């Protein structure tokens, strides 16, 4: 019975401090968990890779739906010249593979 009296007689500030620390720990744990999930999605789930019939690999972003060719293990995203497009049509694969040759002939 003496032990219960000691527990009841603890100062309110000490009890409040423990509770605040517990809430902080739970909130920090939740933030770390969400950051871990976001990092795993970014590493393993964000991009889809599609191989075209002619052997060209395209990286498709699942969030923005942007498609970019992968040439020599380098993703070529960004502004394209007017003669190129980001659609996955056979004519694009031809223009991408012969694009450098046509520039040298000009």
C-alpha atoms as a PDB file:
ATOM      1  CA  UNK A   1       0.000   0.000   0.000  1.00  0.00           C
ATOM      2  CA  UNK A   2       2.912   2.348   0.666  1.00  0.00           C
ATOM      3  CA  UNK A   3       4.162   1.962  -2.905  1.00  0.00           C
ATOM      4  CA  UNK A   4       0.810   3.074  -4.355  1.00  0.00           C
ATOM      5  CA  UNK A   5       0.900   6.171  -2.207  1.00  0.00           C
ATOM      6  CA  UNK A   6       4.359   7.062  -3.528  1.00  0.00           C
ATOM      7  CA  UNK A   7       3.176   6.679  -7.137  1.00  0.00           C
ATOM      8  CA  UNK A   8       0.175   8.936  -6.468  1.00  0.00           C
ATOM      9  CA  UNK A   9       2.316  11.553  -4.762  1.00  0.00           C
ATOM     10  CA  UNK A  10       4.651  12.132  -7.743  1.00  0.00           C
ATOM     11  CA  UNK A  11       4.677  15.768  -8.833  1.00  0.00           C
ATOM     12  CA  UNK A  12       2.459  16.729 -11.728  1.00  0.00           C
ATOM     13  CA  UNK A  13       5.396  18.272 -13.593  1.00  0.00           C
ATOM     14  CA  UNK A  14       7.311  14.974 -13.533  1.00  0.00           C
ATOM     15  CA  UNK A  15       4.285  13.118 -14.875  1.00  0.00           C
ATOM     16  CA  UNK A  16       3.742  15.766 -17.560  1.00  0.00           C
ATOM     17  CA  UNK A  17       7.420  15.523 -18.608  1.00  0.00           C
ATOM     18  CA  UNK A  18       7.203  11.762 -19.082  1.00  0.00           C
ATOM     19  CA  UNK A  19       4.037  12.070 -21.100  1.00  0.00           C
ATOM     20  CA  UNK A  20       5.524  14.807 -23.306  1.00  0.00           C
ATOM     21  CA  UNK A  21       8.628  12.700 -23.896  1.00  0.00           C
ATOM     22  CA  UNK A  22       6.479   9.698 -24.836  1.00  0.00           C
ATOM     23  CA  UNK A  23       4.420  11.766 -27.315  1.00  0.00           C
ATOM     24  CA  UNK A  24       7.602  13.203 -28.814  1.00  0.00           C
ATOM     25  CA  UNK A  25       9.090   9.700 -29.209  1.00  0.00           C
ATOM     26  CA  UNK A  26       5.939   8.395 -30.937  1.00  0.00           C
ATOM     27  CA  UNK A  27       5.784  11.408 -33.280  1.00  0.00           C
ATOM     28  CA  UNK A  28       9.485  11.105 -34.124  1.00  0.00           C
ATOM     29  CA  UNK A  29       9.073   7.377 -34.763  1.00  0.00           C
ATOM     30  CA  UNK A  30       6.145   8.044 -37.099  1.00  0.00           C
ATOM     31  CA  UNK A  31       8.143  10.652 -39.034  1.00  0.00           C
ATOM     32  CA  UNK A  32      11.119   8.307 -39.375  1.00  0.00           C
ATOM     33  CA  UNK A  33       8.798   5.539 -40.588  1.00  0.00           C
ATOM     34  CA  UNK A  34       7.208   7.822 -43.210  1.00  0.00           C
ATOM     35  CA  UNK A  35      10.635   8.993 -44.379  1.00  0.00           C
ATOM     36  CA  UNK A  36      11.734   5.364 -44.716  1.00  0.00           C
ATOM     37  CA  UNK A  37       8.644   4.513 -46.774  1.00  0.00           C
ATOM     38  CA  UNK A  38       9.226   7.515 -49.050  1.00  0.00           C
ATOM     39  CA  UNK A  39      12.873   6.531 -49.562  1.00  0.00           C
ATOM     40  CA  UNK A  40      11.942   2.935 -50.395  1.00  0.00           C
ATOM     41  CA  UNK A  41       9.329   4.090 -52.902  1.00  0.00           C
ATOM     42  CA  UNK A  42      11.825   6.470 -54.517  1.00  0.00           C
ATOM     43  CA  UNK A  43      14.435   3.709 -54.798  1.00  0.00           C
ATOM     44  CA  UNK A  44      12.299   0.770 -55.898  1.00  0.00           C
ATOM     45  CA  UNK A  45       8.806   1.806 -56.958  1.00  0.00           C
ATOM     46  CA  UNK A  46       8.859   5.145 -58.712  1.00  0.00           C
ATOM     47  CA  UNK A  47      10.161   4.187 -62.145  1.00  0.00           C
ATOM     48  CA  UNK A  48       9.053   1.544 -64.601  1.00  0.00           C
ATOM     49  CA  UNK A  49      11.385   0.424 -67.365  1.00  0.00           C
ATOM     50  CA  UNK A  50       9.989  -0.655 -70.732  1.00  0.00           C
ATOM     51  CA  UNK A  51      12.002  -2.244 -73.534  1.00  0.00           C
ATOM     52  CA  UNK A  52      10.780  -1.342 -77.002  1.00  0.00           C
ATOM     53  CA  UNK A  53      10.778  -3.902 -79.826  1.00  0.00           C
ATOM     54  CA  UNK A  54      13.909  -2.324 -81.330  1.00  0.00           C
ATOM     55  CA  UNK A  55      15.823  -2.646 -78.074  1.00  0.00           C
ATOM     56  CA  UNK A  56      15.473   0.916 -76.776  1.00  0.00           C
ATOM     57  CA  UNK A  57      14.838   1.145 -73.048  1.00  0.00           C
ATOM     58  CA  UNK A  58      12.408   3.793 -71.749  1.00  0.00           C
ATOM     59  CA  UNK A  59      12.122   4.917 -68.119  1.00  0.00           C
ATOM     60  CA  UNK A  60       8.577   5.903 -67.193  1.00  0.00           C
ATOM     61  CA  UNK A  61       7.992   7.933 -64.032  1.00  0.00           C
ATOM     62  CA  UNK A  62       4.921   6.543 -62.266  1.00  0.00           C
ATOM     63  CA  UNK A  63       4.183   9.892 -60.596  1.00  0.00           C
ATOM     64  CA  UNK A  64       4.502  12.325 -63.505  1.00  0.00           C
ATOM     65  CA  UNK A  65       4.013   9.831 -66.396  1.00  0.00           C
ATOM     66  CA  UNK A  66       7.126  11.318 -68.070  1.00  0.00           C
ATOM     67  CA  UNK A  67       8.973   8.901 -70.347  1.00  0.00           C
ATOM     68  CA  UNK A  68      12.681   9.239 -71.066  1.00  0.00           C
ATOM     69  CA  UNK A  69      15.007   7.113 -73.190  1.00  0.00           C
ATOM     70  CA  UNK A  70      17.900   5.347 -71.485  1.00  0.00           C
ATOM     71  CA  UNK A  71      20.955   5.521 -73.754  1.00  0.00           C
ATOM     72  CA  UNK A  72      24.194   3.826 -72.651  1.00  0.00           C
ATOM     73  CA  UNK A  73      22.868   3.593 -69.064  1.00  0.00           C
ATOM     74  CA  UNK A  74      22.210   7.362 -68.982  1.00  0.00           C
ATOM     75  CA  UNK A  75      18.641   8.662 -68.680  1.00  0.00           C
ATOM     76  CA  UNK A  76      18.047  11.421 -71.255  1.00  0.00           C
ATOM     77  CA  UNK A  77      15.235  13.514 -69.793  1.00  0.00           C
ATOM     78  CA  UNK A  78      14.582  17.187 -70.154  1.00  0.00           C
ATOM     79  CA  UNK A  79      13.841  19.482 -73.038  1.00  0.00           C
ATOM     80  CA  UNK A  80      14.047  17.723 -76.354  1.00  0.00           C
ATOM     81  CA  UNK A  81      14.687  19.315 -79.705  1.00  0.00           C
ATOM     82  CA  UNK A  82      11.606  19.985 -81.879  1.00  0.00           C
ATOM     83  CA  UNK A  83      12.341  16.936 -84.050  1.00  0.00           C
ATOM     84  CA  UNK A  84      12.043  14.581 -81.069  1.00  0.00           C
ATOM     85  CA  UNK A  85       9.116  13.641 -78.880  1.00  0.00           C
ATOM     86  CA  UNK A  86       8.556  11.671 -75.664  1.00  0.00           C
ATOM     87  CA  UNK A  87       5.891   9.318 -77.064  1.00  0.00           C
ATOM     88  CA  UNK A  88       6.632   5.638 -77.359  1.00  0.00           C
ATOM     89  CA  UNK A  89       6.107   5.284 -81.097  1.00  0.00           C
ATOM     90  CA  UNK A  90       8.385   3.413 -83.543  1.00  0.00           C
ATOM     91  CA  UNK A  91       9.123   6.653 -85.415  1.00  0.00           C
ATOM     92  CA  UNK A  92      10.688   8.115 -82.272  1.00  0.00           C
ATOM     93  CA  UNK A  93      13.004   5.160 -81.838  1.00  0.00           C
ATOM     94  CA  UNK A  94      14.153   5.655 -85.438  1.00  0.00           C
ATOM     95  CA  UNK A  95      14.720   9.382 -84.977  1.00  0.00           C
ATOM     96  CA  UNK A  96      16.606   8.803 -81.744  1.00  0.00           C
ATOM     97  CA  UNK A  97      18.928   6.246 -83.284  1.00  0.00           C
ATOM     98  CA  UNK A  98      19.586   8.305 -86.417  1.00  0.00           C
ATOM     99  CA  UNK A  99      19.358  11.768 -84.831  1.00  0.00           C
ATOM    100  CA  UNK A 100      23.120  12.255 -84.641  1.00  0.00           C
ATOM    101  CA  UNK A 101      23.650  11.162 -88.231  1.00  0.00           C
ATOM    102  CA  UNK A 102      21.070  13.642 -89.546  1.00  0.00           C
ATOM    103  CA  UNK A 103      22.731  16.502 -87.669  1.00  0.00           C
ATOM    104  CA  UNK A 104      26.131  15.753 -89.228  1.00  0.00           C
ATOM    105  CA  UNK A 105      24.660  15.775 -92.755  1.00  0.00           C
ATOM    106  CA  UNK A 106      23.201  19.293 -92.388  1.00  0.00           C
END
